[in-house]
Amino acid sequence: MSAKKINQLIENYTQEDVTISCPIHGQRKVKANLWKGKHISKPKCEKCEKEKMIKENQLKTFKENHLKNQGLLESINKFPLLRKFNFESYNEDMYPEAKHTYDQMKNYANNFEKMIENAVNVIMYGGVGTGKTFFGISLIKEAVVQGYSAKYQTTYDLFNEIKKSFSDSSFCYERVKKDLIDCDILCLDEIGVTYGTEFEINVLFEIINQRYMLCKPTIIITNLDIQNLTKAIGIRSLDRLMETCLNIKFDYPSLRRKPKKLK
């Protein structure tokens, strides 16, 4: 298109201020688009249009989160034990040692909006069988109920998926990483059960750092103490997690060894 024709188009297109009556926001001045002096379309309330766009984006995000969360719950619920994990199934009479932790985690879940807004991380550490995974999955399930996108991932499965991506094109490392970075709340379990190689430390840093930059909370679950956790994920990752973090030490014996009533 020649410069002359472009100039003609520009000259034919103009705007003018008009006053409209919006049933919601009352009398408002808006910009009307004109072509050769005639209105191209009916002037609309800019505030209504903005609110409409926000609602459409919220609905789109909700639908996307719903689809992702369906897959998450299916992956968790395929294991009969994990299917039972939720805050409602906690038994204070049987596990009084965990009551303080339950109160902390329930308070976190009841204030998800505030926790996400302030990117409050959680590090749960302590011996085996003390309920760390129980509370981690309970948090994730509660996040899903409240409409947030969430992801639960063991580091063992994470690094297996990454290894598969090197030889199987159906497994995409970038997609795996993106899913972990983009979700509102991420729970990384079994930190320390893998080899702790430089490659693994760098992968964890990439995920944790990206979430740190996006101000998204990350939940870490490990049997390691803080000193050995530093070795497993690197000081750079731990430093970012610790900036705004709820540290919970599970310092009681394994709950698995408690006698349970048979059905």
C-alpha atoms as a PDB file:
ATOM      1  CA  MET A   1       0.000   0.000   0.000  1.00  0.00           C
ATOM      2  CA  SER A   2       1.380   3.395  -0.963  1.00  0.00           C
ATOM      3  CA  ALA A   3       2.095   6.147   1.524  1.00  0.00           C
ATOM      4  CA  LYS A   4      -0.604   8.263  -0.140  1.00  0.00           C
ATOM      5  CA  LYS A   5      -3.305   5.625   0.468  1.00  0.00           C
ATOM      6  CA  ILE A   6      -2.163   5.147   4.059  1.00  0.00           C
ATOM      7  CA  ASN A   7      -2.445   8.874   4.670  1.00  0.00           C
ATOM      8  CA  GLN A   8      -5.943   8.884   3.145  1.00  0.00           C
ATOM      9  CA  LEU A   9      -7.013   6.079   5.500  1.00  0.00           C
ATOM     10  CA  ILE A  10      -5.621   7.959   8.463  1.00  0.00           C
ATOM     11  CA  GLU A  11      -7.417  11.138   7.441  1.00  0.00           C
ATOM     12  CA  ASN A  12     -10.747   9.318   7.058  1.00  0.00           C
ATOM     13  CA  TYR A  13     -10.506   7.759  10.524  1.00  0.00           C
ATOM     14  CA  THR A  14     -11.225  10.149  13.415  1.00  0.00           C
ATOM     15  CA  GLN A  15     -12.427  10.117  17.018  1.00  0.00           C
ATOM     16  CA  GLU A  16     -14.668  12.414  19.002  1.00  0.00           C
ATOM     17  CA  ASP A  17     -15.811  12.713  22.596  1.00  0.00           C
ATOM     18  CA  VAL A  18     -19.449  11.787  23.146  1.00  0.00           C
ATOM     19  CA  THR A  19     -21.628  11.414  26.237  1.00  0.00           C
ATOM     20  CA  ILE A  20     -23.479   8.143  26.726  1.00  0.00           C
ATOM     21  CA  SER A  21     -25.876   6.931  29.392  1.00  0.00           C
ATOM     22  CA  CYS A  22     -24.702   3.647  30.937  1.00  0.00           C
ATOM     23  CA  PRO A  23     -27.347   1.779  33.007  1.00  0.00           C
ATOM     24  CA  ILE A  24     -24.603   0.712  35.443  1.00  0.00           C
ATOM     25  CA  HIS A  25     -22.173   3.639  35.584  1.00  0.00           C
ATOM     26  CA  GLY A  26     -24.470   6.529  34.577  1.00  0.00           C
ATOM     27  CA  GLN A  27     -23.503   9.430  32.297  1.00  0.00           C
ATOM     28  CA  ARG A  28     -19.996   8.958  30.911  1.00  0.00           C
ATOM     29  CA  LYS A  29     -17.810  10.626  28.319  1.00  0.00           C
ATOM     30  CA  VAL A  30     -16.255   8.121  25.911  1.00  0.00           C
ATOM     31  CA  LYS A  31     -14.319   8.103  22.655  1.00  0.00           C
ATOM     32  CA  ALA A  32     -16.362   7.344  19.537  1.00  0.00           C
ATOM     33  CA  ASN A  33     -14.698   6.037  16.354  1.00  0.00           C
ATOM     34  CA  LEU A  34     -15.728   7.693  13.081  1.00  0.00           C
ATOM     35  CA  TRP A  35     -15.080   6.858   9.430  1.00  0.00           C
ATOM     36  CA  LYS A  36     -15.573   9.756   7.049  1.00  0.00           C
ATOM     37  CA  GLY A  37     -17.497  11.554   9.770  1.00  0.00           C
ATOM     38  CA  LYS A  38     -19.887   8.659  10.538  1.00  0.00           C
ATOM     39  CA  HIS A  39     -19.871   6.437  13.611  1.00  0.00           C
ATOM     40  CA  ILE A  40     -18.343   3.038  12.854  1.00  0.00           C
ATOM     41  CA  SER A  41     -20.010   1.373  15.852  1.00  0.00           C
ATOM     42  CA  LYS A  42     -22.160   2.296  18.802  1.00  0.00           C
ATOM     43  CA  PRO A  43     -20.041   3.935  21.551  1.00  0.00           C
ATOM     44  CA  LYS A  44     -19.663   1.692  24.598  1.00  0.00           C
ATOM     45  CA  CYS A  45     -18.970   2.361  28.246  1.00  0.00           C
ATOM     46  CA  GLU A  46     -15.201   1.844  28.641  1.00  0.00           C
ATOM     47  CA  LYS A  47     -15.625   0.838  32.297  1.00  0.00           C
ATOM     48  CA  CYS A  48     -18.156  -1.870  31.358  1.00  0.00           C
ATOM     49  CA  GLU A  49     -15.844  -3.123  28.609  1.00  0.00           C
ATOM     50  CA  LYS A  50     -12.919  -3.309  31.020  1.00  0.00           C
ATOM     51  CA  GLU A  51     -14.992  -5.186  33.612  1.00  0.00           C
ATOM     52  CA  LYS A  52     -16.216  -7.556  30.895  1.00  0.00           C
ATOM     53  CA  MET A  53     -12.637  -8.274  29.825  1.00  0.00           C
ATOM     54  CA  ILE A  54     -11.573  -8.953  33.425  1.00  0.00           C
ATOM     55  CA  LYS A  55     -14.472 -11.392  33.920  1.00  0.00           C
ATOM     56  CA  GLU A  56     -13.673 -13.167  30.637  1.00  0.00           C
ATOM     57  CA  ASN A  57     -10.022 -13.525  31.642  1.00  0.00           C
ATOM     58  CA  GLN A  58     -11.014 -14.809  35.087  1.00  0.00           C
ATOM     59  CA  LEU A  59     -13.368 -17.367  33.509  1.00  0.00           C
ATOM     60  CA  LYS A  60     -10.661 -18.459  31.069  1.00  0.00           C
ATOM     61  CA  THR A  61      -8.151 -18.868  33.924  1.00  0.00           C
ATOM     62  CA  PHE A  62     -10.706 -20.788  35.992  1.00  0.00           C
ATOM     63  CA  LYS A  63     -11.406 -23.195  33.109  1.00  0.00           C
ATOM     64  CA  GLU A  64      -7.686 -23.709  32.457  1.00  0.00           C
ATOM     65  CA  ASN A  65      -7.025 -24.341  36.163  1.00  0.00           C
ATOM     66  CA  HIS A  66      -9.997 -26.717  36.337  1.00  0.00           C
ATOM     67  CA  LEU A  67      -8.637 -28.860  33.488  1.00  0.00           C
ATOM     68  CA  LYS A  68      -5.125 -28.923  34.970  1.00  0.00           C
ATOM     69  CA  ASN A  69      -6.426 -29.685  38.445  1.00  0.00           C
ATOM     70  CA  GLN A  70      -8.548 -32.566  37.144  1.00  0.00           C
ATOM     71  CA  GLY A  71      -5.367 -34.186  35.851  1.00  0.00           C
ATOM     72  CA  LEU A  72      -3.580 -33.468  39.129  1.00  0.00           C
ATOM     73  CA  LEU A  73      -6.302 -35.063  41.265  1.00  0.00           C
ATOM     74  CA  GLU A  74      -6.461 -38.082  38.961  1.00  0.00           C
ATOM     75  CA  SER A  75      -2.692 -38.577  39.287  1.00  0.00           C
ATOM     76  CA  ILE A  76      -2.925 -38.351  43.099  1.00  0.00           C
ATOM     77  CA  ASN A  77      -6.118 -40.372  43.540  1.00  0.00           C
ATOM     78  CA  LYS A  78      -4.836 -43.334  41.530  1.00  0.00           C
ATOM     79  CA  PHE A  79      -2.966 -44.243  44.738  1.00  0.00           C
ATOM     80  CA  PRO A  80      -5.473 -45.497  47.369  1.00  0.00           C
ATOM     81  CA  LEU A  81      -3.353 -44.141  50.244  1.00  0.00           C
ATOM     82  CA  LEU A  82      -3.002 -40.629  48.798  1.00  0.00           C
ATOM     83  CA  ARG A  83      -6.722 -40.598  47.967  1.00  0.00           C
ATOM     84  CA  LYS A  84      -7.422 -40.552  51.719  1.00  0.00           C
ATOM     85  CA  PHE A  85      -5.134 -37.595  52.426  1.00  0.00           C
ATOM     86  CA  ASN A  86      -7.058 -34.413  53.292  1.00  0.00           C
ATOM     87  CA  PHE A  87      -7.539 -32.167  56.310  1.00  0.00           C
ATOM     88  CA  GLU A  88     -10.880 -33.807  57.154  1.00  0.00           C
ATOM     89  CA  SER A  89      -9.234 -37.220  57.621  1.00  0.00           C
ATOM     90  CA  TYR A  90      -6.785 -35.984  60.292  1.00  0.00           C
ATOM     91  CA  ASN A  91      -7.499 -37.748  63.598  1.00  0.00           C
ATOM     92  CA  GLU A  92      -6.391 -35.660  66.575  1.00  0.00           C
ATOM     93  CA  ASP A  93      -7.098 -38.447  69.080  1.00  0.00           C
ATOM     94  CA  MET A  94      -4.850 -40.873  67.200  1.00  0.00           C
ATOM     95  CA  TYR A  95      -2.145 -38.364  66.211  1.00  0.00           C
ATOM     96  CA  PRO A  96      -2.021 -35.630  68.903  1.00  0.00           C
ATOM     97  CA  GLU A  97       1.688 -35.038  68.108  1.00  0.00           C
ATOM     98  CA  ALA A  98       0.688 -33.487  64.781  1.00  0.00           C
ATOM     99  CA  LYS A  99      -1.997 -31.152  66.137  1.00  0.00           C
ATOM    100  CA  HIS A 100       0.215 -28.048  66.113  1.00  0.00           C
ATOM    101  CA  THR A 101       1.296 -28.786  62.532  1.00  0.00           C
ATOM    102  CA  TYR A 102      -2.327 -29.381  61.534  1.00  0.00           C
ATOM    103  CA  ASP A 103      -3.297 -25.979  62.945  1.00  0.00           C
ATOM    104  CA  GLN A 104      -0.451 -24.275  61.049  1.00  0.00           C
ATOM    105  CA  MET A 105      -1.284 -25.963  57.735  1.00  0.00           C
ATOM    106  CA  LYS A 106      -5.030 -25.410  58.119  1.00  0.00           C
ATOM    107  CA  ASN A 107      -4.397 -21.728  58.815  1.00  0.00           C
ATOM    108  CA  TYR A 108      -2.248 -21.541  55.672  1.00  0.00           C
ATOM    109  CA  ALA A 109      -5.023 -23.183  53.632  1.00  0.00           C
ATOM    110  CA  ASN A 110      -7.679 -20.879  55.102  1.00  0.00           C
ATOM    111  CA  ASN A 111      -5.597 -17.884  54.021  1.00  0.00           C
ATOM    112  CA  PHE A 112      -4.467 -19.020  50.565  1.00  0.00           C
ATOM    113  CA  GLU A 113      -5.213 -15.654  48.981  1.00  0.00           C
ATOM    114  CA  LYS A 114      -2.948 -13.865  51.458  1.00  0.00           C
ATOM    115  CA  MET A 115      -0.269 -16.584  51.319  1.00  0.00           C
ATOM    116  CA  ILE A 116      -0.154 -16.482  47.527  1.00  0.00           C
ATOM    117  CA  GLU A 117      -0.179 -12.683  47.452  1.00  0.00           C
ATOM    118  CA  ASN A 118       2.846 -12.647  49.794  1.00  0.00           C
ATOM    119  CA  ALA A 119       4.492 -15.727  48.221  1.00  0.00           C
ATOM    120  CA  VAL A 120       4.846 -17.512  51.573  1.00  0.00           C
ATOM    121  CA  ASN A 121       6.845 -20.711  51.048  1.00  0.00           C
ATOM    122  CA  VAL A 122       6.694 -23.767  53.311  1.00  0.00           C
ATOM    123  CA  ILE A 123       9.541 -26.108  54.241  1.00  0.00           C
ATOM    124  CA  MET A 124       8.434 -29.272  56.035  1.00  0.00           C
ATOM    125  CA  TYR A 125      11.350 -31.327  57.306  1.00  0.00           C
ATOM    126  CA  GLY A 126      11.873 -34.169  59.745  1.00  0.00           C
ATOM    127  CA  GLY A 127      11.922 -37.932  60.105  1.00  0.00           C
ATOM    128  CA  VAL A 128      10.066 -40.477  58.003  1.00  0.00           C
ATOM    129  CA  GLY A 129       6.407 -41.246  58.675  1.00  0.00           C
ATOM    130  CA  THR A 130       5.655 -38.000  60.500  1.00  0.00           C
ATOM    131  CA  GLY A 131       2.897 -36.761  58.159  1.00  0.00           C
ATOM    132  CA  LYS A 132       4.781 -34.370  55.878  1.00  0.00           C
ATOM    133  CA  THR A 133       3.338 -35.778  52.641  1.00  0.00           C
ATOM    134  CA  PHE A 134      -0.105 -35.973  54.258  1.00  0.00           C
ATOM    135  CA  PHE A 135      -0.085 -32.236  54.980  1.00  0.00           C
ATOM    136  CA  GLY A 136       1.504 -31.375  51.632  1.00  0.00           C
ATOM    137  CA  ILE A 137      -1.185 -33.177  49.648  1.00  0.00           C
ATOM    138  CA  SER A 138      -3.912 -31.847  51.949  1.00  0.00           C
ATOM    139  CA  LEU A 139      -2.737 -28.313  51.121  1.00  0.00           C
ATOM    140  CA  ILE A 140      -2.691 -29.044  47.398  1.00  0.00           C
ATOM    141  CA  LYS A 141      -6.192 -30.543  47.454  1.00  0.00           C
ATOM    142  CA  GLU A 142      -7.515 -27.558  49.405  1.00  0.00           C
ATOM    143  CA  ALA A 143      -5.925 -25.188  46.875  1.00  0.00           C
ATOM    144  CA  VAL A 144      -7.734 -27.020  44.072  1.00  0.00           C
ATOM    145  CA  VAL A 145     -11.066 -26.754  45.913  1.00  0.00           C
ATOM    146  CA  GLN A 146     -10.527 -23.001  46.204  1.00  0.00           C
ATOM    147  CA  GLY A 147      -9.903 -22.675  42.467  1.00  0.00           C
ATOM    148  CA  TYR A 148      -6.119 -22.258  42.418  1.00  0.00           C
ATOM    149  CA  SER A 149      -3.878 -24.137  40.022  1.00  0.00           C
ATOM    150  CA  ALA A 150      -1.657 -26.540  41.941  1.00  0.00           C
ATOM    151  CA  LYS A 151       0.951 -29.211  41.315  1.00  0.00           C
ATOM    152  CA  TYR A 152       2.318 -32.050  43.449  1.00  0.00           C
ATOM    153  CA  GLN A 153       5.582 -33.609  42.272  1.00  0.00           C
ATOM    154  CA  THR A 154       8.200 -35.868  43.835  1.00  0.00           C
ATOM    155  CA  THR A 155      11.751 -35.075  42.772  1.00  0.00           C
ATOM    156  CA  TYR A 156      12.229 -38.756  41.949  1.00  0.00           C
ATOM    157  CA  ASP A 157       9.421 -38.644  39.357  1.00  0.00           C
ATOM    158  CA  LEU A 158      10.522 -35.210  38.159  1.00  0.00           C
ATOM    159  CA  PHE A 159      14.031 -36.324  37.263  1.00  0.00           C
ATOM    160  CA  ASN A 160      12.699 -39.555  35.737  1.00  0.00           C
ATOM    161  CA  GLU A 161      10.460 -37.489  33.442  1.00  0.00           C
ATOM    162  CA  ILE A 162      13.390 -35.273  32.491  1.00  0.00           C
ATOM    163  CA  LYS A 163      15.545 -38.321  31.695  1.00  0.00           C
ATOM    164  CA  LYS A 164      12.755 -39.735  29.512  1.00  0.00           C
ATOM    165  CA  SER A 165      12.616 -36.454  27.583  1.00  0.00           C
ATOM    166  CA  PHE A 166      16.210 -37.032  26.437  1.00  0.00           C
ATOM    167  CA  SER A 167      15.254 -40.218  24.581  1.00  0.00           C
ATOM    168  CA  ASP A 168      11.473 -40.008  24.125  1.00  0.00           C
ATOM    169  CA  SER A 169      10.065 -37.074  22.161  1.00  0.00           C
ATOM    170  CA  SER A 170       6.642 -37.502  23.820  1.00  0.00           C
ATOM    171  CA  PHE A 171       8.207 -36.242  27.073  1.00  0.00           C
ATOM    172  CA  CYS A 172       9.109 -32.564  26.793  1.00  0.00           C
ATOM    173  CA  TYR A 173      11.465 -31.161  29.451  1.00  0.00           C
ATOM    174  CA  GLU A 174      10.367 -27.582  28.790  1.00  0.00           C
ATOM    175  CA  ARG A 175       6.690 -28.522  29.202  1.00  0.00           C
ATOM    176  CA  VAL A 176       7.402 -30.378  32.461  1.00  0.00           C
ATOM    177  CA  LYS A 177       9.334 -27.378  33.777  1.00  0.00           C
ATOM    178  CA  LYS A 178       6.694 -24.896  32.606  1.00  0.00           C
ATOM    179  CA  ASP A 179       3.899 -26.775  34.421  1.00  0.00           C
ATOM    180  CA  LEU A 180       5.868 -26.581  37.667  1.00  0.00           C
ATOM    181  CA  ILE A 181       6.705 -22.901  37.247  1.00  0.00           C
ATOM    182  CA  ASP A 182       3.281 -21.646  36.113  1.00  0.00           C
ATOM    183  CA  CYS A 183       0.999 -23.176  38.776  1.00  0.00           C
ATOM    184  CA  ASP A 184      -0.154 -20.995  41.696  1.00  0.00           C
ATOM    185  CA  ILE A 185       1.109 -23.454  44.321  1.00  0.00           C
ATOM    186  CA  LEU A 186       3.800 -26.112  43.850  1.00  0.00           C
ATOM    187  CA  CYS A 187       4.619 -28.938  46.258  1.00  0.00           C
ATOM    188  CA  LEU A 188       7.992 -30.652  45.726  1.00  0.00           C
ATOM    189  CA  ASP A 189       8.209 -33.852  47.785  1.00  0.00           C
ATOM    190  CA  GLU A 190      11.023 -36.288  48.568  1.00  0.00           C
ATOM    191  CA  ILE A 191      13.769 -33.682  48.292  1.00  0.00           C
ATOM    192  CA  GLY A 192      17.020 -35.534  48.982  1.00  0.00           C
ATOM    193  CA  VAL A 193      16.121 -39.031  47.732  1.00  0.00           C
ATOM    194  CA  THR A 194      17.870 -38.490  44.392  1.00  0.00           C
ATOM    195  CA  TYR A 195      21.619 -38.204  43.820  1.00  0.00           C
ATOM    196  CA  GLY A 196      21.938 -34.464  44.323  1.00  0.00           C
ATOM    197  CA  THR A 197      24.056 -34.033  41.207  1.00  0.00           C
ATOM    198  CA  GLU A 198      24.996 -30.630  39.848  1.00  0.00           C
ATOM    199  CA  PHE A 199      22.422 -31.140  37.070  1.00  0.00           C
ATOM    200  CA  GLU A 200      19.623 -31.851  39.593  1.00  0.00           C
ATOM    201  CA  ILE A 201      20.596 -28.852  41.735  1.00  0.00           C
ATOM    202  CA  ASN A 202      20.535 -26.619  38.647  1.00  0.00           C
ATOM    203  CA  VAL A 203      17.091 -27.908  37.576  1.00  0.00           C
ATOM    204  CA  LEU A 204      15.662 -27.264  41.051  1.00  0.00           C
ATOM    205  CA  PHE A 205      17.232 -23.810  41.098  1.00  0.00           C
ATOM    206  CA  GLU A 206      15.714 -22.983  37.718  1.00  0.00           C
ATOM    207  CA  ILE A 207      12.234 -23.945  38.963  1.00  0.00           C
ATOM    208  CA  ILE A 208      12.534 -22.336  42.402  1.00  0.00           C
ATOM    209  CA  ASN A 209      14.149 -19.174  41.040  1.00  0.00           C
ATOM    210  CA  GLN A 210      11.507 -18.698  38.337  1.00  0.00           C
ATOM    211  CA  ARG A 211       8.763 -19.103  40.918  1.00  0.00           C
ATOM    212  CA  TYR A 212      10.619 -16.687  43.200  1.00  0.00           C
ATOM    213  CA  MET A 213      10.742 -14.109  40.400  1.00  0.00           C
ATOM    214  CA  LEU A 214       7.012 -14.619  39.747  1.00  0.00           C
ATOM    215  CA  CYS A 215       6.224 -14.367  43.496  1.00  0.00           C
ATOM    216  CA  LYS A 216       4.648 -17.830  43.644  1.00  0.00           C
ATOM    217  CA  PRO A 217       4.844 -19.974  46.809  1.00  0.00           C
ATOM    218  CA  THR A 218       6.631 -23.327  46.822  1.00  0.00           C
ATOM    219  CA  ILE A 219       6.174 -26.125  49.369  1.00  0.00           C
ATOM    220  CA  ILE A 220       9.257 -28.261  50.077  1.00  0.00           C
ATOM    221  CA  ILE A 221       9.027 -31.660  51.788  1.00  0.00           C
ATOM    222  CA  THR A 222      12.165 -33.478  52.927  1.00  0.00           C
ATOM    223  CA  ASN A 223      13.577 -35.884  55.506  1.00  0.00           C
ATOM    224  CA  LEU A 224      16.781 -33.828  55.589  1.00  0.00           C
ATOM    225  CA  ASP A 225      17.700 -31.219  58.167  1.00  0.00           C
ATOM    226  CA  ILE A 226      18.293 -27.663  56.937  1.00  0.00           C
ATOM    227  CA  GLN A 227      22.074 -28.160  56.635  1.00  0.00           C
ATOM    228  CA  ASN A 228      21.719 -31.215  54.386  1.00  0.00           C
ATOM    229  CA  LEU A 229      18.793 -29.648  52.524  1.00  0.00           C
ATOM    230  CA  THR A 230      21.217 -26.876  51.544  1.00  0.00           C
ATOM    231  CA  LYS A 231      23.486 -29.497  49.971  1.00  0.00           C
ATOM    232  CA  ALA A 232      20.563 -31.163  48.169  1.00  0.00           C
ATOM    233  CA  ILE A 233      19.094 -28.042  46.515  1.00  0.00           C
ATOM    234  CA  GLY A 234      21.956 -25.551  46.753  1.00  0.00           C
ATOM    235  CA  ILE A 235      22.367 -22.415  48.824  1.00  0.00           C
ATOM    236  CA  ARG A 236      20.905 -20.206  46.063  1.00  0.00           C
ATOM    237  CA  SER A 237      17.583 -22.071  46.080  1.00  0.00           C
ATOM    238  CA  LEU A 238      17.381 -22.301  49.869  1.00  0.00           C
ATOM    239  CA  ASP A 239      18.151 -18.597  50.261  1.00  0.00           C
ATOM    240  CA  ARG A 240      15.252 -17.681  47.955  1.00  0.00           C
ATOM    241  CA  LEU A 241      12.864 -20.028  49.749  1.00  0.00           C
ATOM    242  CA  MET A 242      13.857 -18.691  53.166  1.00  0.00           C
ATOM    243  CA  GLU A 243      13.126 -15.051  52.303  1.00  0.00           C
ATOM    244  CA  THR A 244       9.415 -15.528  53.117  1.00  0.00           C
ATOM    245  CA  CYS A 245       9.001 -18.982  54.586  1.00  0.00           C
ATOM    246  CA  LEU A 246       7.124 -21.042  57.147  1.00  0.00           C
ATOM    247  CA  ASN A 247       9.578 -23.633  58.498  1.00  0.00           C
ATOM    248  CA  ILE A 248       7.961 -26.642  60.151  1.00  0.00           C
ATOM    249  CA  LYS A 249      10.077 -29.270  61.862  1.00  0.00           C
ATOM    250  CA  PHE A 250       8.470 -32.688  62.395  1.00  0.00           C
ATOM    251  CA  ASP A 251      10.401 -33.748  65.492  1.00  0.00           C
ATOM    252  CA  TYR A 252       8.351 -36.686  66.724  1.00  0.00           C
ATOM    253  CA  PRO A 253       8.636 -40.448  65.968  1.00  0.00           C
ATOM    254  CA  SER A 254       7.043 -42.100  62.936  1.00  0.00           C
ATOM    255  CA  LEU A 255       3.251 -42.192  63.120  1.00  0.00           C
ATOM    256  CA  ARG A 256       3.175 -45.263  60.901  1.00  0.00           C
ATOM    257  CA  ARG A 257       4.255 -47.423  63.823  1.00  0.00           C
ATOM    258  CA  LYS A 258       1.193 -46.535  65.844  1.00  0.00           C
ATOM    259  CA  PRO A 259      -1.323 -49.414  66.123  1.00  0.00           C
ATOM    260  CA  LYS A 260      -4.345 -48.886  63.918  1.00  0.00           C
ATOM    261  CA  LYS A 261      -7.807 -50.371  64.133  1.00  0.00           C
ATOM    262  CA  LEU A 262      -8.567 -52.871  61.374  1.00  0.00           C
ATOM    263  CA  LYS A 263     -11.824 -52.371  59.459  1.00  0.00           C
END
